PDB file of N, CA and C in Angstrom:
ATOM      1  N   MET A   1       0.851  -1.212   0.011  1.00  0.00           N
ATOM      2  CA  MET A   1       0.028   0.052  -0.005  1.00  0.00           C
ATOM      3  C   MET A   1       0.856   1.261  -0.015  1.00  0.00           C
ATOM      4  N   LYS A   2       1.998   1.164  -0.617  1.00  0.00           N
ATOM      5  CA  LYS A   2       2.900   2.323  -0.651  1.00  0.00           C
ATOM      6  C   LYS A   2       2.319   3.436  -1.506  1.00  0.00           C
ATOM      7  N   GLY A   3       2.246   4.616  -0.876  1.00  0.00           N
ATOM      8  CA  GLY A   3       1.670   5.791  -1.544  1.00  0.00           C
ATOM      9  C   GLY A   3       0.174   5.928  -1.426  1.00  0.00           C
ATOM     10  N   GLU A   4      -0.454   5.031  -0.672  1.00  0.00           N
ATOM     11  CA  GLU A   4      -1.864   5.128  -0.465  1.00  0.00           C
ATOM     12  C   GLU A   4      -2.234   5.611   0.932  1.00  0.00           C
ATOM     13  N   SER A   5      -3.308   6.284   0.993  1.00  0.00           N
ATOM     14  CA  SER A   5      -3.787   6.728   2.460  1.00  0.00           C
ATOM     15  C   SER A   5      -4.990   5.858   2.833  1.00  0.00           C
ATOM     16  N   ILE A   6      -5.383   5.971   3.995  1.00  0.00           N
ATOM     17  CA  ILE A   6      -6.505   5.230   4.484  1.00  0.00           C
ATOM     18  C   ILE A   6      -7.904   5.668   3.824  1.00  0.00           C
ATOM     19  N   TYR A   7      -7.844   6.722   3.202  1.00  0.00           N
ATOM     20  CA  TYR A   7      -9.075   7.306   2.613  1.00  0.00           C
ATOM     21  C   TYR A   7      -9.130   6.958   1.136  1.00  0.00           C
ATOM     22  N   GLY A   8      -8.237   6.082   0.578  1.00  0.00           N
ATOM     23  CA  GLY A   8      -8.416   5.585  -0.733  1.00  0.00           C
ATOM     24  C   GLY A   8      -7.779   6.590  -1.826  1.00  0.00           C
ATOM     25  N   LYS A   9      -7.363   7.750  -1.378  1.00  0.00           N
ATOM     26  CA  LYS A   9      -6.699   8.754  -2.283  1.00  0.00           C
ATOM     27  C   LYS A   9      -5.160   8.435  -2.164  1.00  0.00           C
ATOM     28  N   GLU A  10      -4.467   8.557  -3.241  1.00  0.00           N
ATOM     29  CA  GLU A  10      -3.087   8.384  -3.233  1.00  0.00           C
ATOM     30  C   GLU A  10      -2.441   9.591  -2.513  1.00  0.00           C
ATOM     31  N   LYS A  11      -1.429   9.357  -1.670  1.00  0.00           N
ATOM     32  CA  LYS A  11      -0.683  10.336  -0.959  1.00  0.00           C
ATOM     33  C   LYS A  11       0.220  11.091  -1.966  1.00  0.00           C
ATOM     34  N   LYS A  12       0.319  12.361  -1.739  1.00  0.00           N
ATOM     35  CA  LYS A  12       1.313  13.052  -2.663  1.00  0.00           C
ATOM     36  C   LYS A  12       2.720  12.741  -2.152  1.00  0.00           C
ATOM     37  N   LYS A  13       3.605  12.596  -3.097  1.00  0.00           N
ATOM     38  CA  LYS A  13       4.982  12.254  -2.831  1.00  0.00           C
ATOM     39  C   LYS A  13       5.819  13.547  -3.034  1.00  0.00           C
ATOM     40  N   TYR A  14       6.243  14.195  -1.997  1.00  0.00           N
ATOM     41  CA  TYR A  14       6.965  15.411  -2.115  1.00  0.00           C
ATOM     42  C   TYR A  14       8.492  15.055  -2.067  1.00  0.00           C
ATOM     43  N   ILE A  15       9.103  15.199  -3.261  1.00  0.00           N
ATOM     44  CA  ILE A  15      10.588  14.762  -3.276  1.00  0.00           C
ATOM     45  C   ILE A  15      11.422  15.982  -3.670  1.00  0.00           C
ATOM     46  N   ASP A  16      10.925  16.918  -4.252  1.00  0.00           N
ATOM     47  CA  ASP A  16      11.642  18.171  -4.581  1.00  0.00           C
ATOM     48  C   ASP A  16      11.693  19.155  -3.499  1.00  0.00           C
ATOM     49  N   LEU A  17      12.915  19.697  -3.141  1.00  0.00           N
ATOM     50  CA  LEU A  17      12.969  20.678  -2.053  1.00  0.00           C
ATOM     51  C   LEU A  17      13.138  22.073  -2.692  1.00  0.00           C
ATOM     52  N   VAL A  18      12.296  23.030  -2.267  1.00  0.00           N
ATOM     53  CA  VAL A  18      12.536  24.401  -2.639  1.00  0.00           C
ATOM     54  C   VAL A  18      12.862  25.198  -1.487  1.00  0.00           C
ATOM     55  N   LEU A  19      14.036  25.881  -1.556  1.00  0.00           N
ATOM     56  CA  LEU A  19      14.454  26.642  -0.365  1.00  0.00           C
ATOM     57  C   LEU A  19      14.267  28.080  -0.643  1.00  0.00           C
ATOM     58  N   CYS A  20      13.987  28.883   0.369  1.00  0.00           N
ATOM     59  CA  CYS A  20      13.756  30.324   0.238  1.00  0.00           C
ATOM     60  C   CYS A  20      14.262  30.894   1.478  1.00  0.00           C
ATOM     61  N   CYS A  21      15.017  31.933   1.403  1.00  0.00           N
ATOM     62  CA  CYS A  21      15.636  32.628   2.675  1.00  0.00           C
ATOM     63  C   CYS A  21      14.655  33.814   2.951  1.00  0.00           C
ATOM     64  N   VAL A  22      14.377  33.966   4.267  1.00  0.00           N
ATOM     65  CA  VAL A  22      13.550  35.105   4.696  1.00  0.00           C
ATOM     66  C   VAL A  22      14.169  35.657   5.985  1.00  0.00           C
ATOM     67  N   SER A  23      13.959  36.930   6.149  1.00  0.00           N
ATOM     68  CA  SER A  23      14.448  37.580   7.345  1.00  0.00           C
ATOM     69  C   SER A  23      13.600  37.129   8.548  1.00  0.00           C
ATOM     70  N   PRO A  24      14.026  37.352   9.742  1.00  0.00           N
ATOM     71  CA  PRO A  24      13.203  37.016  10.974  1.00  0.00           C
ATOM     72  C   PRO A  24      11.800  37.770  10.989  1.00  0.00           C
ATOM     73  N   GLU A  25      11.799  38.940  10.435  1.00  0.00           N
ATOM     74  CA  GLU A  25      10.526  39.701  10.357  1.00  0.00           C
ATOM     75  C   GLU A  25       9.600  39.144   9.418  1.00  0.00           C
ATOM     76  N   GLU A  26      10.145  38.798   8.257  1.00  0.00           N
ATOM     77  CA  GLU A  26       9.353  38.070   7.265  1.00  0.00           C
ATOM     78  C   GLU A  26       8.803  36.749   7.744  1.00  0.00           C
ATOM     79  N   LYS A  27       9.598  35.997   8.431  1.00  0.00           N
ATOM     80  CA  LYS A  27       9.170  34.744   8.963  1.00  0.00           C
ATOM     81  C   LYS A  27       8.016  34.871   9.989  1.00  0.00           C
ATOM     82  N   LYS A  28       8.096  35.895  10.786  1.00  0.00           N
ATOM     83  CA  LYS A  28       6.988  36.224  11.722  1.00  0.00           C
ATOM     84  C   LYS A  28       5.722  36.603  10.980  1.00  0.00           C
ATOM     85  N   LEU A  29       5.873  37.391   9.957  1.00  0.00           N
ATOM     86  CA  LEU A  29       4.754  37.849   9.133  1.00  0.00           C
ATOM     87  C   LEU A  29       4.105  36.630   8.434  1.00  0.00           C
ATOM     88  N   ILE A  30       4.960  35.774   7.894  1.00  0.00           N
ATOM     89  CA  ILE A  30       4.369  34.511   7.219  1.00  0.00           C
ATOM     90  C   ILE A  30       3.681  33.655   8.260  1.00  0.00           C
ATOM     91  N   ARG A  31       4.254  33.479   9.358  1.00  0.00           N
ATOM     92  CA  ARG A  31       3.647  32.645  10.474  1.00  0.00           C
ATOM     93  C   ARG A  31       2.367  33.237  10.893  1.00  0.00           C
ATOM     94  N   ARG A  32       2.246  34.582  10.962  1.00  0.00           N
ATOM     95  CA  ARG A  32       1.032  35.231  11.459  1.00  0.00           C
ATOM     96  C   ARG A  32      -0.077  35.050  10.422  1.00  0.00           C
ATOM     97  N   LYS A  33       0.276  35.264   9.105  1.00  0.00           N
ATOM     98  CA  LYS A  33      -0.674  35.021   8.053  1.00  0.00           C
ATOM     99  C   LYS A  33      -1.141  33.599   8.002  1.00  0.00           C
ATOM    100  N   MET A  34      -0.246  32.740   8.244  1.00  0.00           N
ATOM    101  CA  MET A  34      -0.488  31.244   8.239  1.00  0.00           C
ATOM    102  C   MET A  34      -1.574  31.064   9.358  1.00  0.00           C
ATOM    103  N   ILE A  35      -1.342  31.482  10.493  1.00  0.00           N
ATOM    104  CA  ILE A  35      -2.252  31.353  11.610  1.00  0.00           C
ATOM    105  C   ILE A  35      -3.632  31.970  11.278  1.00  0.00           C
ATOM    106  N   GLU A  36      -3.543  33.177  10.805  1.00  0.00           N
ATOM    107  CA  GLU A  36      -4.825  33.885  10.342  1.00  0.00           C
ATOM    108  C   GLU A  36      -5.604  32.985   9.363  1.00  0.00           C
ATOM    109  N   SER A  37      -4.926  32.312   8.522  1.00  0.00           N
ATOM    110  CA  SER A  37      -5.662  31.528   7.449  1.00  0.00           C
ATOM    111  C   SER A  37      -6.053  30.107   8.021  1.00  0.00           C
ATOM    112  N   LYS A  38      -5.771  29.863   9.307  1.00  0.00           N
ATOM    113  CA  LYS A  38      -6.184  28.735  10.051  1.00  0.00           C
ATOM    114  C   LYS A  38      -5.552  27.479   9.437  1.00  0.00           C
ATOM    115  N   THR A  39      -4.316  27.705   8.959  1.00  0.00           N
ATOM    116  CA  THR A  39      -3.447  26.582   8.332  1.00  0.00           C
ATOM    117  C   THR A  39      -2.413  26.270   9.357  1.00  0.00           C
ATOM    118  N   LYS A  40      -2.390  24.911   9.771  1.00  0.00           N
ATOM    119  CA  LYS A  40      -1.490  24.510  10.829  1.00  0.00           C
ATOM    120  C   LYS A  40      -0.133  24.030  10.299  1.00  0.00           C
ATOM    121  N   ASN A  41       0.010  23.838   9.036  1.00  0.00           N
ATOM    122  CA  ASN A  41       1.244  23.254   8.506  1.00  0.00           C
ATOM    123  C   ASN A  41       1.909  24.355   7.580  1.00  0.00           C
ATOM    124  N   MET A  42       3.182  24.670   7.951  1.00  0.00           N
ATOM    125  CA  MET A  42       3.860  25.801   7.203  1.00  0.00           C
ATOM    126  C   MET A  42       4.059  25.350   5.779  1.00  0.00           C
ATOM    127  N   GLY A  43       4.487  24.096   5.607  1.00  0.00           N
ATOM    128  CA  GLY A  43       4.714  23.619   4.201  1.00  0.00           C
ATOM    129  C   GLY A  43       3.469  23.739   3.357  1.00  0.00           C
ATOM    130  N   ALA A  44       2.389  23.266   3.835  1.00  0.00           N
ATOM    131  CA  ALA A  44       1.012  23.342   3.170  1.00  0.00           C
ATOM    132  C   ALA A  44       0.694  24.788   2.814  1.00  0.00           C
ATOM    133  N   TYR A  45       0.827  25.661   3.855  1.00  0.00           N
ATOM    134  CA  TYR A  45       0.546  27.045   3.658  1.00  0.00           C
ATOM    135  C   TYR A  45       1.438  27.647   2.496  1.00  0.00           C
ATOM    136  N   LEU A  46       2.732  27.454   2.573  1.00  0.00           N
ATOM    137  CA  LEU A  46       3.608  27.996   1.589  1.00  0.00           C
ATOM    138  C   LEU A  46       3.319  27.493   0.181  1.00  0.00           C
ATOM    139  N   ARG A  47       3.051  26.151   0.139  1.00  0.00           N
ATOM    140  CA  ARG A  47       2.664  25.622  -1.259  1.00  0.00           C
ATOM    141  C   ARG A  47       1.499  26.199  -1.780  1.00  0.00           C
ATOM    142  N   LYS A  48       0.372  26.278  -0.937  1.00  0.00           N
ATOM    143  CA  LYS A  48      -0.872  26.894  -1.355  1.00  0.00           C
ATOM    144  C   LYS A  48      -0.703  28.337  -1.832  1.00  0.00           C
ATOM    145  N   MET A  49       0.084  29.099  -1.071  1.00  0.00           N
ATOM    146  CA  MET A  49       0.220  30.551  -1.445  1.00  0.00           C
ATOM    147  C   MET A  49       1.139  30.640  -2.656  1.00  0.00           C
ATOM    148  N   ALA A  50       2.120  29.783  -2.863  1.00  0.00           N
ATOM    149  CA  ALA A  50       3.073  29.901  -4.052  1.00  0.00           C
ATOM    150  C   ALA A  50       2.220  29.439  -5.315  1.00  0.00           C
ATOM    151  N   ILE A  51       1.395  28.521  -5.153  1.00  0.00           N
ATOM    152  CA  ILE A  51       0.689  27.948  -6.433  1.00  0.00           C
ATOM    153  C   ILE A  51      -0.537  28.816  -6.645  1.00  0.00           C
ATOM    154  N   ASP A  52      -1.368  29.080  -5.673  1.00  0.00           N
ATOM    155  CA  ASP A  52      -2.619  29.830  -5.888  1.00  0.00           C
ATOM    156  C   ASP A  52      -2.650  31.235  -5.565  1.00  0.00           C
ATOM    157  N   GLY A  53      -1.788  31.733  -4.621  1.00  0.00           N
ATOM    158  CA  GLY A  53      -1.658  33.053  -4.303  1.00  0.00           C
ATOM    159  C   GLY A  53      -2.682  33.566  -3.241  1.00  0.00           C
ATOM    160  N   TYR A  54      -3.634  32.722  -2.855  1.00  0.00           N
ATOM    161  CA  TYR A  54      -4.566  33.061  -1.789  1.00  0.00           C
ATOM    162  C   TYR A  54      -5.205  31.831  -1.118  1.00  0.00           C
ATOM    163  N   ILE A  55      -5.702  32.124   0.046  1.00  0.00           N
ATOM    164  CA  ILE A  55      -6.515  31.096   0.694  1.00  0.00           C
ATOM    165  C   ILE A  55      -7.712  31.688   1.144  1.00  0.00           C
ATOM    166  N   VAL A  56      -8.866  31.087   0.837  1.00  0.00           N
ATOM    167  CA  VAL A  56     -10.203  31.510   1.199  1.00  0.00           C
ATOM    168  C   VAL A  56     -10.630  30.907   2.517  1.00  0.00           C
ATOM    169  N   ASN A  57     -10.981  31.815   3.429  1.00  0.00           N
ATOM    170  CA  ASN A  57     -11.415  31.338   4.745  1.00  0.00           C
ATOM    171  C   ASN A  57     -12.915  31.734   4.910  1.00  0.00           C
ATOM    172  N   THR A  58     -13.754  30.887   5.329  1.00  0.00           N
ATOM    173  CA  THR A  58     -15.148  31.273   5.454  1.00  0.00           C
ATOM    174  C   THR A  58     -15.621  31.061   6.910  1.00  0.00           C
ATOM    175  N   ASP A  59     -16.541  31.909   7.389  1.00  0.00           N
ATOM    176  CA  ASP A  59     -17.111  31.800   8.722  1.00  0.00           C
ATOM    177  C   ASP A  59     -18.397  31.052   8.616  1.00  0.00           C
ATOM    178  N   THR A  60     -18.362  29.796   9.084  1.00  0.00           N
ATOM    179  CA  THR A  60     -19.638  29.021   9.037  1.00  0.00           C
ATOM    180  C   THR A  60     -20.473  29.095  10.210  1.00  0.00           C
ATOM    181  N   THR A  61     -20.288  29.971  11.182  1.00  0.00           N
ATOM    182  CA  THR A  61     -20.853  30.121  12.431  1.00  0.00           C
ATOM    183  C   THR A  61     -22.422  30.229  12.167  1.00  0.00           C
ATOM    184  N   PRO A  62     -22.841  31.181  11.355  1.00  0.00           N
ATOM    185  CA  PRO A  62     -24.289  31.289  11.115  1.00  0.00           C
ATOM    186  C   PRO A  62     -24.957  29.958  10.615  1.00  0.00           C
ATOM    187  N   LEU A  63     -24.180  29.251   9.723  1.00  0.00           N
ATOM    188  CA  LEU A  63     -24.785  28.018   9.244  1.00  0.00           C
ATOM    189  C   LEU A  63     -24.889  26.896  10.392  1.00  0.00           C
ATOM    190  N   LYS A  64     -23.920  26.920  11.232  1.00  0.00           N
ATOM    191  CA  LYS A  64     -23.810  25.963  12.382  1.00  0.00           C
ATOM    192  C   LYS A  64     -25.129  26.224  13.290  1.00  0.00           C
ATOM    193  N   LYS A  65     -25.273  27.497  13.594  1.00  0.00           N
ATOM    194  CA  LYS A  65     -26.426  27.878  14.418  1.00  0.00           C
ATOM    195  C   LYS A  65     -27.785  27.501  13.708  1.00  0.00           C
ATOM    196  N   GLN A  66     -27.876  27.732  12.439  1.00  0.00           N
ATOM    197  CA  GLN A  66     -29.056  27.383  11.660  1.00  0.00           C
ATOM    198  C   GLN A  66     -29.256  25.877  11.696  1.00  0.00           C
ATOM    199  N   TYR A  67     -28.182  25.192  11.583  1.00  0.00           N
ATOM    200  CA  TYR A  67     -28.272  23.643  11.474  1.00  0.00           C
ATOM    201  C   TYR A  67     -28.725  23.201  12.898  1.00  0.00           C
ATOM    202  N   GLU A  68     -28.168  23.707  14.033  1.00  0.00           N
ATOM    203  CA  GLU A  68     -28.571  23.302  15.281  1.00  0.00           C
ATOM    204  C   GLU A  68     -30.053  23.525  15.553  1.00  0.00           C
ATOM    205  N   GLU A  69     -30.597  24.704  15.161  1.00  0.00           N
ATOM    206  CA  GLU A  69     -31.947  24.960  15.314  1.00  0.00           C
ATOM    207  C   GLU A  69     -32.853  24.036  14.495  1.00  0.00           C
ATOM    208  N   MET A  70     -32.378  23.726  13.287  1.00  0.00           N
ATOM    209  CA  MET A  70     -33.199  22.837  12.374  1.00  0.00           C
ATOM    210  C   MET A  70     -33.138  21.418  12.865  1.00  0.00           C
ATOM    211  N   HIS A  71     -32.055  21.055  13.500  1.00  0.00           N
ATOM    212  CA  HIS A  71     -31.905  19.687  14.074  1.00  0.00           C
ATOM    213  C   HIS A  71     -32.865  19.524  15.313  1.00  0.00           C
ATOM    214  N   LYS A  72     -32.935  20.504  16.101  1.00  0.00           N
ATOM    215  CA  LYS A  72     -33.850  20.444  17.246  1.00  0.00           C
ATOM    216  C   LYS A  72     -35.326  20.306  16.779  1.00  0.00           C
ATOM    217  N   ILE A  73     -35.694  21.049  15.717  1.00  0.00           N
ATOM    218  CA  ILE A  73     -37.013  20.872  15.140  1.00  0.00           C
ATOM    219  C   ILE A  73     -37.198  19.552  14.636  1.00  0.00           C
ATOM    220  N   GLY A  74     -36.289  18.948  13.918  1.00  0.00           N
ATOM    221  CA  GLY A  74     -36.397  17.704  13.364  1.00  0.00           C
ATOM    222  C   GLY A  74     -36.549  16.663  14.441  1.00  0.00           C
ATOM    223  N   VAL A  75     -35.739  16.733  15.490  1.00  0.00           N
ATOM    224  CA  VAL A  75     -35.868  15.768  16.638  1.00  0.00           C
ATOM    225  C   VAL A  75     -37.314  15.819  17.198  1.00  0.00           C
ATOM    226  N   ASN A  76     -37.847  16.993  17.395  1.00  0.00           N
ATOM    227  CA  ASN A  76     -39.134  17.117  17.871  1.00  0.00           C
ATOM    228  C   ASN A  76     -40.263  16.487  16.988  1.00  0.00           C
ATOM    229  N   ILE A  77     -40.089  16.846  15.677  1.00  0.00           N
ATOM    230  CA  ILE A  77     -41.042  16.222  14.716  1.00  0.00           C
ATOM    231  C   ILE A  77     -40.964  14.645  14.649  1.00  0.00           C
ATOM    232  N   ASN A  78     -39.721  14.124  14.782  1.00  0.00           N
ATOM    233  CA  ASN A  78     -39.509  12.676  14.785  1.00  0.00           C
ATOM    234  C   ASN A  78     -40.204  12.093  16.077  1.00  0.00           C
ATOM    235  N   GLN A  79     -40.097  12.838  17.227  1.00  0.00           N
ATOM    236  CA  GLN A  79     -40.715  12.300  18.417  1.00  0.00           C
ATOM    237  C   GLN A  79     -42.205  12.213  18.292  1.00  0.00           C
ATOM    238  N   ILE A  80     -42.798  13.230  17.701  1.00  0.00           N
ATOM    239  CA  ILE A  80     -44.268  13.280  17.588  1.00  0.00           C
ATOM    240  C   ILE A  80     -44.679  12.129  16.496  1.00  0.00           C
ATOM    241  N   THR A  81     -43.877  12.053  15.470  1.00  0.00           N
ATOM    242  CA  THR A  81     -44.201  11.014  14.387  1.00  0.00           C
ATOM    243  C   THR A  81     -44.140   9.634  15.015  1.00  0.00           C
ATOM    244  N   LYS A  82     -43.106   9.404  15.829  1.00  0.00           N
ATOM    245  CA  LYS A  82     -42.929   8.097  16.474  1.00  0.00           C
ATOM    246  C   LYS A  82     -44.203   7.851  17.367  1.00  0.00           C
ATOM    247  N   LYS A  83     -44.678   8.721  18.131  1.00  0.00           N
ATOM    248  CA  LYS A  83     -45.803   8.571  18.962  1.00  0.00           C
ATOM    249  C   LYS A  83     -47.079   8.221  18.174  1.00  0.00           C
ATOM    250  N   VAL A  84     -47.212   8.956  17.034  1.00  0.00           N
ATOM    251  CA  VAL A  84     -48.417   8.835  16.200  1.00  0.00           C
ATOM    252  C   VAL A  84     -48.358   7.440  15.560  1.00  0.00           C
ATOM    253  N   ASN A  85     -47.111   6.997  15.095  1.00  0.00           N
ATOM    254  CA  ASN A  85     -47.098   5.732  14.536  1.00  0.00           C
ATOM    255  C   ASN A  85     -47.361   4.565  15.559  1.00  0.00           C
ATOM    256  N   SER A  86     -46.990   4.748  16.788  1.00  0.00           N
ATOM    257  CA  SER A  86     -47.184   3.690  17.723  1.00  0.00           C
ATOM    258  C   SER A  86     -48.600   3.754  18.205  1.00  0.00           C
ATOM    259  N   THR A  87     -49.187   4.899  18.395  1.00  0.00           N
ATOM    260  CA  THR A  87     -50.590   4.917  18.944  1.00  0.00           C
ATOM    261  C   THR A  87     -51.689   5.003  17.887  1.00  0.00           C
ATOM    262  N   GLY A  88     -51.350   5.564  16.752  1.00  0.00           N
ATOM    263  CA  GLY A  88     -52.294   5.712  15.601  1.00  0.00           C
ATOM    264  C   GLY A  88     -53.132   6.942  15.798  1.00  0.00           C
ATOM    265  N   TYR A  89     -52.845   7.781  16.815  1.00  0.00           N
ATOM    266  CA  TYR A  89     -53.628   8.991  17.066  1.00  0.00           C
ATOM    267  C   TYR A  89     -52.775  10.306  16.880  1.00  0.00           C
ATOM    268  N   LEU A  90     -53.314  11.291  16.406  1.00  0.00           N
ATOM    269  CA  LEU A  90     -52.647  12.635  16.361  1.00  0.00           C
ATOM    270  C   LEU A  90     -53.661  13.610  16.891  1.00  0.00           C
ATOM    271  N   TYR A  91     -53.260  14.155  18.102  1.00  0.00           N
ATOM    272  CA  TYR A  91     -54.070  15.055  18.773  1.00  0.00           C
ATOM    273  C   TYR A  91     -53.943  16.449  18.266  1.00  0.00           C
ATOM    274  N   SER A  92     -54.979  17.298  18.313  1.00  0.00           N
ATOM    275  CA  SER A  92     -54.949  18.620  17.756  1.00  0.00           C
ATOM    276  C   SER A  92     -53.816  19.429  18.249  1.00  0.00           C
ATOM    277  N   GLU A  93     -53.470  19.317  19.530  1.00  0.00           N
ATOM    278  CA  GLU A  93     -52.380  20.079  20.059  1.00  0.00           C
ATOM    279  C   GLU A  93     -51.049  19.622  19.372  1.00  0.00           C
ATOM    280  N   GLU A  94     -50.890  18.361  19.122  1.00  0.00           N
ATOM    281  CA  GLU A  94     -49.719  17.897  18.412  1.00  0.00           C
ATOM    282  C   GLU A  94     -49.638  18.425  17.004  1.00  0.00           C
ATOM    283  N   MET A  95     -50.847  18.407  16.344  1.00  0.00           N
ATOM    284  CA  MET A  95     -50.863  18.876  15.000  1.00  0.00           C
ATOM    285  C   MET A  95     -50.514  20.404  14.914  1.00  0.00           C
ATOM    286  N   GLN A  96     -50.967  21.131  15.901  1.00  0.00           N
ATOM    287  CA  GLN A  96     -50.739  22.578  16.006  1.00  0.00           C
ATOM    288  C   GLN A  96     -49.232  22.682  16.248  1.00  0.00           C
ATOM    289  N   GLU A  97     -48.641  21.891  17.121  1.00  0.00           N
ATOM    290  CA  GLU A  97     -47.225  21.972  17.378  1.00  0.00           C
ATOM    291  C   GLU A  97     -46.410  21.669  16.140  1.00  0.00           C
ATOM    292  N   LEU A  98     -46.858  20.652  15.365  1.00  0.00           N
ATOM    293  CA  LEU A  98     -46.141  20.339  14.110  1.00  0.00           C
ATOM    294  C   LEU A  98     -46.183  21.472  13.113  1.00  0.00           C
ATOM    295  N   LYS A  99     -47.401  22.115  13.058  1.00  0.00           N
ATOM    296  CA  LYS A  99     -47.539  23.230  12.098  1.00  0.00           C
ATOM    297  C   LYS A  99     -46.486  24.452  12.551  1.00  0.00           C
ATOM    298  N   GLU A 100     -46.468  24.625  13.882  1.00  0.00           N
ATOM    299  CA  GLU A 100     -45.625  25.732  14.330  1.00  0.00           C
ATOM    300  C   GLU A 100     -44.097  25.384  14.044  1.00  0.00           C
ATOM    301  N   MET A 101     -43.749  24.078  14.225  1.00  0.00           N
ATOM    302  CA  MET A 101     -42.424  23.650  13.882  1.00  0.00           C
ATOM    303  C   MET A 101     -42.068  23.783  12.438  1.00  0.00           C
ATOM    304  N   VAL A 102     -42.956  23.439  11.591  1.00  0.00           N
ATOM    305  CA  VAL A 102     -42.725  23.632  10.139  1.00  0.00           C
ATOM    306  C   VAL A 102     -42.576  25.019   9.757  1.00  0.00           C
ATOM    307  N   LYS A 103     -43.477  25.833  10.444  1.00  0.00           N
ATOM    308  CA  LYS A 103     -43.429  27.333  10.162  1.00  0.00           C
ATOM    309  C   LYS A 103     -42.023  27.891  10.605  1.00  0.00           C
ATOM    310  N   GLU A 104     -41.542  27.490  11.792  1.00  0.00           N
ATOM    311  CA  GLU A 104     -40.264  27.920  12.217  1.00  0.00           C
ATOM    312  C   GLU A 104     -39.164  27.471  11.338  1.00  0.00           C
ATOM    313  N   PHE A 105     -39.264  26.176  10.884  1.00  0.00           N
ATOM    314  CA  PHE A 105     -38.293  25.629   9.937  1.00  0.00           C
ATOM    315  C   PHE A 105     -38.209  26.385   8.678  1.00  0.00           C
ATOM    316  N   TRP A 106     -39.394  26.833   8.128  1.00  0.00           N
ATOM    317  CA  TRP A 106     -39.397  27.690   6.924  1.00  0.00           C
ATOM    318  C   TRP A 106     -38.775  29.003   7.239  1.00  0.00           C
ATOM    319  N   HIS A 107     -39.069  29.631   8.418  1.00  0.00           N
ATOM    320  CA  HIS A 107     -38.492  30.873   8.766  1.00  0.00           C
ATOM    321  C   HIS A 107     -37.060  30.819   8.802  1.00  0.00           C
ATOM    322  N   ILE A 108     -36.486  29.786   9.308  1.00  0.00           N
ATOM    323  CA  ILE A 108     -34.995  29.635   9.412  1.00  0.00           C
ATOM    324  C   ILE A 108     -34.388  29.541   8.043  1.00  0.00           C
ATOM    325  N   LEU A 109     -35.113  28.834   7.185  1.00  0.00           N
ATOM    326  CA  LEU A 109     -34.551  28.660   5.740  1.00  0.00           C
ATOM    327  C   LEU A 109     -34.576  29.949   5.056  1.00  0.00           C
ATOM    328  N   ARG A 110     -35.748  30.678   5.245  1.00  0.00           N
ATOM    329  CA  ARG A 110     -35.920  31.945   4.489  1.00  0.00           C
ATOM    330  C   ARG A 110     -34.813  33.013   4.978  1.00  0.00           C
ATOM    331  N   SER A 111     -34.435  32.881   6.231  1.00  0.00           N
ATOM    332  CA  SER A 111     -33.421  33.864   6.791  1.00  0.00           C
ATOM    333  C   SER A 111     -32.045  33.386   6.660  1.00  0.00           C
ATOM    334  N   SER A 112     -31.832  32.376   5.756  1.00  0.00           N
ATOM    335  CA  SER A 112     -30.563  31.763   5.562  1.00  0.00           C
ATOM    336  C   SER A 112     -29.496  32.841   5.147  1.00  0.00           C
ATOM    337  N   PRO A 113     -28.238  32.745   5.688  1.00  0.00           N
ATOM    338  CA  PRO A 113     -27.168  33.688   5.339  1.00  0.00           C
ATOM    339  C   PRO A 113     -26.711  33.391   3.877  1.00  0.00           C
ATOM    340  N   LEU A 114     -27.148  32.284   3.324  1.00  0.00           N
ATOM    341  CA  LEU A 114     -26.640  31.912   1.940  1.00  0.00           C
ATOM    342  C   LEU A 114     -27.438  32.613   0.841  1.00  0.00           C
ATOM    343  N   LYS A 115     -28.443  33.332   1.177  1.00  0.00           N
ATOM    344  CA  LYS A 115     -29.170  34.051   0.108  1.00  0.00           C
ATOM    345  C   LYS A 115     -28.302  35.019  -0.624  1.00  0.00           C
TER     346      LYS A 115
END
């Protein structure tokens, strides 16, 4: 399994060495920008910058919050569905609760930061 990773993709084989001299101030600046880009590996950062010239960083915090809210609603809907499937009954309060959850679900989707 030489050259293979556990994920089925072939590992890159880095055999050519590229050296570049920098001043201590430049090294600090490079390291600071590397940390800002949330890259942990200096070699990976330098290769990416040399080849592409930029690294795109996105803040997914709003999407994570949206996902959490939608997950809670989904769990509630599943609980009601499980009860209905086991008893065969859907009470009007539960139906109203489902309608409210679906309404909240759509509200979250419409206020998506991806628009």
